[in-house]
C-alpha atoms as a PDB file:
ATOM      1  CA  MET A   1     -26.487  -8.010  -4.753  1.00  0.00           C
ATOM      2  CA  SER A   2     -27.872  -9.047  -1.404  1.00  0.00           C
ATOM      3  CA  ARG A   3     -27.952  -6.812   1.641  1.00  0.00           C
ATOM      4  CA  ALA A   4     -25.485  -9.070   3.417  1.00  0.00           C
ATOM      5  CA  ALA A   5     -22.993  -8.799   0.538  1.00  0.00           C
ATOM      6  CA  GLU A   6     -23.401  -5.027   0.442  1.00  0.00           C
ATOM      7  CA  GLU A   7     -22.770  -4.792   4.174  1.00  0.00           C
ATOM      8  CA  THR A   8     -19.689  -7.012   3.883  1.00  0.00           C
ATOM      9  CA  ASN A   9     -18.305  -4.885   1.055  1.00  0.00           C
ATOM     10  CA  ARG A  10     -18.994  -1.714   3.027  1.00  0.00           C
ATOM     11  CA  ARG A  11     -17.084  -3.095   6.014  1.00  0.00           C
ATOM     12  CA  MET A  12     -14.119  -4.094   3.847  1.00  0.00           C
ATOM     13  CA  LEU A  13     -14.115  -0.666   2.184  1.00  0.00           C
ATOM     14  CA  ARG A  14     -14.045   0.971   5.605  1.00  0.00           C
ATOM     15  CA  ALA A  15     -10.899  -0.996   6.497  1.00  0.00           C
ATOM     16  CA  ARG A  16      -9.295  -0.350   3.092  1.00  0.00           C
ATOM     17  CA  ASP A  17     -10.009   3.378   3.396  1.00  0.00           C
ATOM     18  CA  THR A  18      -8.248   3.324   6.754  1.00  0.00           C
ATOM     19  CA  MET A  19      -5.214   1.697   5.144  1.00  0.00           C
ATOM     20  CA  ASP A  20      -5.243   4.272   2.332  1.00  0.00           C
ATOM     21  CA  ARG A  21      -5.443   7.160   4.788  1.00  0.00           C
ATOM     22  CA  ASP A  22      -3.154   5.875   7.573  1.00  0.00           C
ATOM     23  CA  TYR A  23      -0.690   3.746   5.563  1.00  0.00           C
ATOM     24  CA  ALA A  24       2.292   5.132   7.513  1.00  0.00           C
ATOM     25  CA  GLN A  25       0.807   4.110  10.877  1.00  0.00           C
ATOM     26  CA  SER A  26       1.309   0.745  12.508  1.00  0.00           C
ATOM     27  CA  LEU A  27      -1.729  -1.134  11.206  1.00  0.00           C
ATOM     28  CA  ASN A  28      -2.304  -4.817  11.853  1.00  0.00           C
ATOM     29  CA  VAL A  29      -5.024  -7.345  11.127  1.00  0.00           C
ATOM     30  CA  PRO A  30      -6.577  -7.209  14.625  1.00  0.00           C
ATOM     31  CA  SER A  31      -7.049  -3.430  14.471  1.00  0.00           C
ATOM     32  CA  LEU A  32      -8.358  -3.545  10.896  1.00  0.00           C
ATOM     33  CA  ALA A  33     -10.753  -6.374  11.794  1.00  0.00           C
ATOM     34  CA  ARG A  34     -12.104  -4.227  14.639  1.00  0.00           C
ATOM     35  CA  ILE A  35     -12.692  -1.374  12.177  1.00  0.00           C
ATOM     36  CA  ALA A  36     -14.597  -3.797   9.928  1.00  0.00           C
ATOM     37  CA  HIS A  37     -16.446  -5.295  12.948  1.00  0.00           C
ATOM     38  CA  VAL A  38     -15.512  -8.884  12.100  1.00  0.00           C
ATOM     39  CA  SER A  39     -13.137 -11.530  13.438  1.00  0.00           C
ATOM     40  CA  GLU A  40      -9.506 -11.516  12.323  1.00  0.00           C
ATOM     41  CA  ALA A  41      -9.778 -14.732  10.301  1.00  0.00           C
ATOM     42  CA  HIS A  42     -13.003 -13.623   8.643  1.00  0.00           C
ATOM     43  CA  PHE A  43     -11.486 -10.231   7.852  1.00  0.00           C
ATOM     44  CA  THR A  44      -8.420 -11.707   6.147  1.00  0.00           C
ATOM     45  CA  ARG A  45     -10.471 -14.190   4.094  1.00  0.00           C
ATOM     46  CA  THR A  46     -13.090 -11.656   3.087  1.00  0.00           C
ATOM     47  CA  PHE A  47     -10.613  -8.875   2.285  1.00  0.00           C
ATOM     48  CA  ARG A  48      -8.751 -11.204  -0.050  1.00  0.00           C
ATOM     49  CA  ALA A  49     -11.978 -12.341  -1.708  1.00  0.00           C
ATOM     50  CA  VAL A  50     -13.162  -8.759  -2.218  1.00  0.00           C
ATOM     51  CA  PHE A  51      -9.894  -7.077  -3.246  1.00  0.00           C
ATOM     52  CA  GLY A  52      -7.810  -9.959  -4.603  1.00  0.00           C
ATOM     53  CA  GLU A  53      -4.913  -9.637  -2.148  1.00  0.00           C
ATOM     54  CA  THR A  54      -4.296  -9.971   1.553  1.00  0.00           C
ATOM     55  CA  PRO A  55      -4.598  -6.924   3.801  1.00  0.00           C
ATOM     56  CA  HIS A  56      -0.864  -7.057   4.527  1.00  0.00           C
ATOM     57  CA  ARG A  57       0.058  -7.075   0.827  1.00  0.00           C
ATOM     58  CA  TYR A  58      -2.380  -4.263   0.080  1.00  0.00           C
ATOM     59  CA  LEU A  59      -0.839  -2.126   2.822  1.00  0.00           C
ATOM     60  CA  GLN A  60       2.680  -2.884   1.582  1.00  0.00           C
ATOM     61  CA  ARG A  61       1.697  -1.900  -1.957  1.00  0.00           C
ATOM     62  CA  ARG A  62       0.180   1.388  -0.762  1.00  0.00           C
ATOM     63  CA  ARG A  63       3.371   2.190   1.137  1.00  0.00           C
ATOM     64  CA  VAL A  64       5.510   1.356  -1.882  1.00  0.00           C
ATOM     65  CA  GLU A  65       3.325   3.532  -4.127  1.00  0.00           C
ATOM     66  CA  ARG A  66       3.899   6.480  -1.815  1.00  0.00           C
ATOM     67  CA  ALA A  67       7.620   5.717  -1.666  1.00  0.00           C
ATOM     68  CA  MET A  68       7.752   5.659  -5.470  1.00  0.00           C
ATOM     69  CA  PHE A  69       6.283   9.151  -5.560  1.00  0.00           C
ATOM     70  CA  LEU A  70       8.749  10.433  -2.955  1.00  0.00           C
ATOM     71  CA  LEU A  71      11.687   8.845  -4.760  1.00  0.00           C
ATOM     72  CA  ARG A  72      10.638  10.498  -8.031  1.00  0.00           C
ATOM     73  CA  GLU A  73       9.722  13.908  -6.686  1.00  0.00           C
ATOM     74  CA  THR A  74      12.127  14.564  -3.792  1.00  0.00           C
ATOM     75  CA  ASP A  75      15.810  14.225  -3.057  1.00  0.00           C
ATOM     76  CA  ARG A  76      15.268  12.798   0.433  1.00  0.00           C
ATOM     77  CA  SER A  77      17.286   9.759   1.389  1.00  0.00           C
ATOM     78  CA  VAL A  78      15.906   6.276   0.846  1.00  0.00           C
ATOM     79  CA  THR A  79      16.144   5.651   4.595  1.00  0.00           C
ATOM     80  CA  ASP A  80      14.051   8.745   5.409  1.00  0.00           C
ATOM     81  CA  ILE A  81      11.441   7.688   2.862  1.00  0.00           C
ATOM     82  CA  CYS A  82      11.438   4.163   4.268  1.00  0.00           C
ATOM     83  CA  TYR A  83      10.456   5.378   7.726  1.00  0.00           C
ATOM     84  CA  GLU A  84       8.056   8.050   6.459  1.00  0.00           C
ATOM     85  CA  VAL A  85       5.911   5.553   4.556  1.00  0.00           C
ATOM     86  CA  GLY A  86       5.668   3.187   7.522  1.00  0.00           C
ATOM     87  CA  PHE A  87       8.366   0.542   7.131  1.00  0.00           C
ATOM     88  CA  GLY A  88      10.278  -0.410  10.258  1.00  0.00           C
ATOM     89  CA  SER A  89      13.663  -1.089   8.669  1.00  0.00           C
ATOM     90  CA  PRO A  90      15.497  -0.156   5.475  1.00  0.00           C
ATOM     91  CA  GLY A  91      16.155  -3.835   4.721  1.00  0.00           C
ATOM     92  CA  THR A  92      12.475  -4.751   4.806  1.00  0.00           C
ATOM     93  CA  PHE A  93      11.661  -1.662   2.760  1.00  0.00           C
ATOM     94  CA  SER A  94      14.230  -2.479   0.063  1.00  0.00           C
ATOM     95  CA  ARG A  95      13.203  -6.136  -0.140  1.00  0.00           C
ATOM     96  CA  THR A  96       9.492  -5.309  -0.332  1.00  0.00           C
ATOM     97  CA  PHE A  97      10.073  -2.500  -2.833  1.00  0.00           C
ATOM     98  CA  HIS A  98      12.088  -4.848  -5.056  1.00  0.00           C
ATOM     99  CA  ASP A  99       9.433  -7.591  -4.807  1.00  0.00           C
ATOM    100  CA  ILE A 100       6.672  -5.204  -5.879  1.00  0.00           C
ATOM    101  CA  VAL A 101       8.429  -2.885  -8.343  1.00  0.00           C
ATOM    102  CA  GLY A 102      11.082  -5.230  -9.700  1.00  0.00           C
ATOM    103  CA  ARG A 103      14.092  -3.059  -8.853  1.00  0.00           C
ATOM    104  CA  SER A 104      15.666  -1.499  -5.790  1.00  0.00           C
ATOM    105  CA  PRO A 105      14.604   1.943  -4.529  1.00  0.00           C
ATOM    106  CA  ARG A 106      17.946   3.449  -5.563  1.00  0.00           C
ATOM    107  CA  THR A 107      17.711   1.971  -9.069  1.00  0.00           C
ATOM    108  CA  TYR A 108      14.119   3.132  -9.357  1.00  0.00           C
ATOM    109  CA  ARG A 109      15.152   6.667  -8.406  1.00  0.00           C
ATOM    110  CA  LYS A 110      17.923   6.702 -11.023  1.00  0.00           C
ATOM    111  CA  GLU A 111      15.610   5.424 -13.766  1.00  0.00           C
ATOM    112  CA  ALA A 112      12.498   7.397 -12.825  1.00  0.00           C
ATOM    113  CA  VAL A 113      12.267  10.733 -14.510  1.00  0.00           C
ATOM    114  CA  ALA A 114       9.607  13.138 -13.362  1.00  0.00           C
ATOM    115  CA  ALA A 115       8.055  13.800 -16.740  1.00  0.00           C
ATOM    116  CA  GLY A 116       6.051  16.894 -17.535  1.00  0.00           C
ATOM    117  CA  VAL A 117       2.750  15.055 -17.310  1.00  0.00           C
ATOM    118  CA  PRO A 118       0.040  15.275 -14.659  1.00  0.00           C
ATOM    119  CA  THR A 119       0.714  13.262 -11.522  1.00  0.00           C
ATOM    120  CA  CYS A 120      -2.432  11.167 -12.046  1.00  0.00           C
ATOM    121  CA  PHE A 121      -1.000   9.819 -15.332  1.00  0.00           C
ATOM    122  CA  THR A 122       2.388   9.107 -13.776  1.00  0.00           C
ATOM    123  CA  MET A 123       0.716   7.259 -10.904  1.00  0.00           C
ATOM    124  CA  ALA A 124      -1.405   5.173 -13.293  1.00  0.00           C
ATOM    125  CA  TRP A 125       1.578   4.277 -15.502  1.00  0.00           C
ATOM    126  CA  THR A 126       3.887   3.414 -12.644  1.00  0.00           C
ATOM    127  CA  ARG A 127       1.388   1.735 -10.293  1.00  0.00           C
ATOM    128  CA  PRO A 128       2.883  -1.570  -9.135  1.00  0.00           C
ATOM    129  CA  SER A 129       0.858  -4.683  -9.731  1.00  0.00           C
ATOM    130  CA  SER A 130       0.034  -7.004  -6.866  1.00  0.00           C
END
């Protein structure tokens, strides 16, 4: 791998790590591109080439993954979880959750049973695909 490719990957990883850590914050392409030290258009193209999905979709999936955990492990309301994971409205949250998981948050909660297995296994088995 060339030095340029390594540097590009490192920059994209820096932005992805920010999304993983600050998923509940208001993150947008301009701020993530600044973190990666590239232009917005270049960031979006390169992120998709490196990780196989757009930055926006990756961030949505991370938020939904966290919401899935909260729905399984807590009795907090769907609306509270929606805002905690970074969505701006319950409607957007429900629509995005359904698009990624294949069922509504309420249905997921009813069907999800916190099994007596380690959390890492549950996360791997229930991880939504992109």
